[in-house]
Amino acid sequence: MEVLEQMEYHQPDEPHWHLPLIGVDPAKQGSGYGSQLLQHTLDEIDRRGEIAYLENTNPVNTPLYERYGFELMGIIQTDGTPPLFPMIRRPN
């Protein structure tokens, strides 16, 4: 329950798109498919002038999201749970 409370705390109060999952088959990772999926979605979000929010589950992906304008908001973690990294992106 504590993790869910922390997740709720970090979510923006204003209307936003919550990007829950972006995944690519491991055999195809590194081929640009994830970036294409993300860019397509962000183009639509920007067109609408809205905010994007996600909880990054892998710190290795943080630089990728930062390249697309996401900013790290903090770390969500309780005893014994893996960390989540809430990130927000304002429209371009």
Protein backbone atom coordinates (compact mmCIF):
# COMPACT_ATOMS: atom_id res chain seq x y z
CA MET A 1 0.00 0.00 0.00
CA GLU A 2 2.88 2.37 0.74
CA VAL A 3 4.17 2.07 -2.83
CA LEU A 4 0.71 2.90 -4.20
CA GLU A 5 0.52 5.92 -1.91
CA GLN A 6 3.90 7.14 -3.14
CA MET A 7 2.83 6.59 -6.75
CA GLU A 8 -0.30 8.67 -6.16
CA TYR A 9 1.77 11.42 -4.51
CA HIS A 10 4.00 11.80 -7.58
CA GLN A 11 1.26 11.78 -10.22
CA PRO A 12 0.52 15.27 -11.51
CA ASP A 13 -2.64 16.96 -10.24
CA GLU A 14 -3.38 18.44 -13.66
CA PRO A 15 -4.76 16.33 -16.54
CA HIS A 16 -2.04 14.14 -18.03
CA TRP A 17 -1.27 11.04 -20.03
CA HIS A 18 -0.03 8.17 -17.90
CA LEU A 19 2.27 5.99 -19.99
CA PRO A 20 2.12 2.67 -18.12
CA LEU A 21 4.09 0.36 -20.42
CA ILE A 22 6.35 0.54 -23.41
CA GLY A 23 7.96 -2.73 -24.34
CA VAL A 24 9.93 -4.24 -27.16
CA ASP A 25 10.69 -7.90 -27.76
CA PRO A 26 14.19 -8.49 -26.35
CA ALA A 27 15.31 -9.82 -29.75
CA LYS A 28 14.42 -6.44 -31.29
CA GLN A 29 15.73 -4.16 -28.54
CA GLY A 30 18.29 -1.63 -29.71
CA SER A 31 16.66 -1.37 -33.14
CA GLY A 32 14.81 1.89 -32.44
CA TYR A 33 11.33 0.40 -32.07
CA GLY A 34 10.90 1.65 -28.50
CA SER A 35 12.00 5.14 -29.52
CA GLN A 36 9.54 5.12 -32.43
CA LEU A 37 6.68 4.06 -30.16
CA LEU A 38 7.57 6.72 -27.62
CA GLN A 39 8.02 9.49 -30.21
CA HIS A 40 4.70 8.69 -31.89
CA THR A 41 2.89 8.94 -28.55
CA LEU A 42 4.72 12.11 -27.50
CA ASP A 43 3.91 13.77 -30.82
CA GLU A 44 0.21 13.29 -30.11
CA ILE A 45 0.57 14.47 -26.50
CA ASP A 46 2.43 17.60 -27.67
CA ARG A 47 -0.17 18.25 -30.36
CA ARG A 48 -2.75 18.36 -27.57
CA GLY A 49 -0.50 20.48 -25.33
CA GLU A 50 -0.70 17.98 -22.49
CA ILE A 51 1.61 16.44 -19.89
CA ALA A 52 3.09 12.93 -20.01
CA TYR A 53 3.88 10.95 -16.86
CA LEU A 54 5.42 7.54 -16.33
CA GLU A 55 7.00 5.37 -13.67
CA ASN A 56 10.29 4.06 -15.03
CA THR A 57 11.10 0.62 -13.63
CA ASN A 58 14.66 0.42 -14.95
CA PRO A 59 17.23 3.12 -14.11
CA VAL A 60 19.14 2.16 -17.27
CA ASN A 61 16.24 3.67 -19.26
CA THR A 62 16.37 7.04 -17.47
CA PRO A 63 18.73 8.66 -20.02
CA LEU A 64 16.40 7.55 -22.85
CA TYR A 65 13.41 9.21 -21.23
CA GLU A 66 15.47 12.32 -20.43
CA ARG A 67 16.39 12.63 -24.13
CA TYR A 68 12.67 12.88 -24.81
CA GLY A 69 12.23 15.65 -22.25
CA PHE A 70 11.19 13.68 -19.17
CA GLU A 71 12.41 14.88 -15.79
CA LEU A 72 13.00 12.62 -12.79
CA MET A 73 10.67 13.53 -9.92
CA GLY A 74 12.10 11.27 -7.22
CA ILE A 75 12.28 7.61 -6.26
CA ILE A 76 9.40 5.42 -5.12
CA GLN A 77 10.57 2.58 -2.90
CA THR A 78 9.73 0.84 0.35
CA ASP A 79 11.59 -1.84 2.25
CA GLY A 80 12.15 -4.81 -0.01
CA THR A 81 10.65 -3.37 -3.20
CA PRO A 82 12.56 -2.48 -6.35
CA PRO A 83 12.67 1.26 -7.02
CA LEU A 84 10.32 3.08 -9.38
CA PHE A 85 11.40 6.36 -10.92
CA PRO A 86 8.47 8.75 -11.53
CA MET A 87 9.12 11.04 -14.49
CA ILE A 88 7.17 13.94 -15.98
CA ARG A 89 7.30 15.69 -19.34
CA ARG A 90 5.72 19.04 -20.09
CA PRO A 91 4.53 19.66 -23.67
CA ASN A 92 7.00 21.08 -26.19
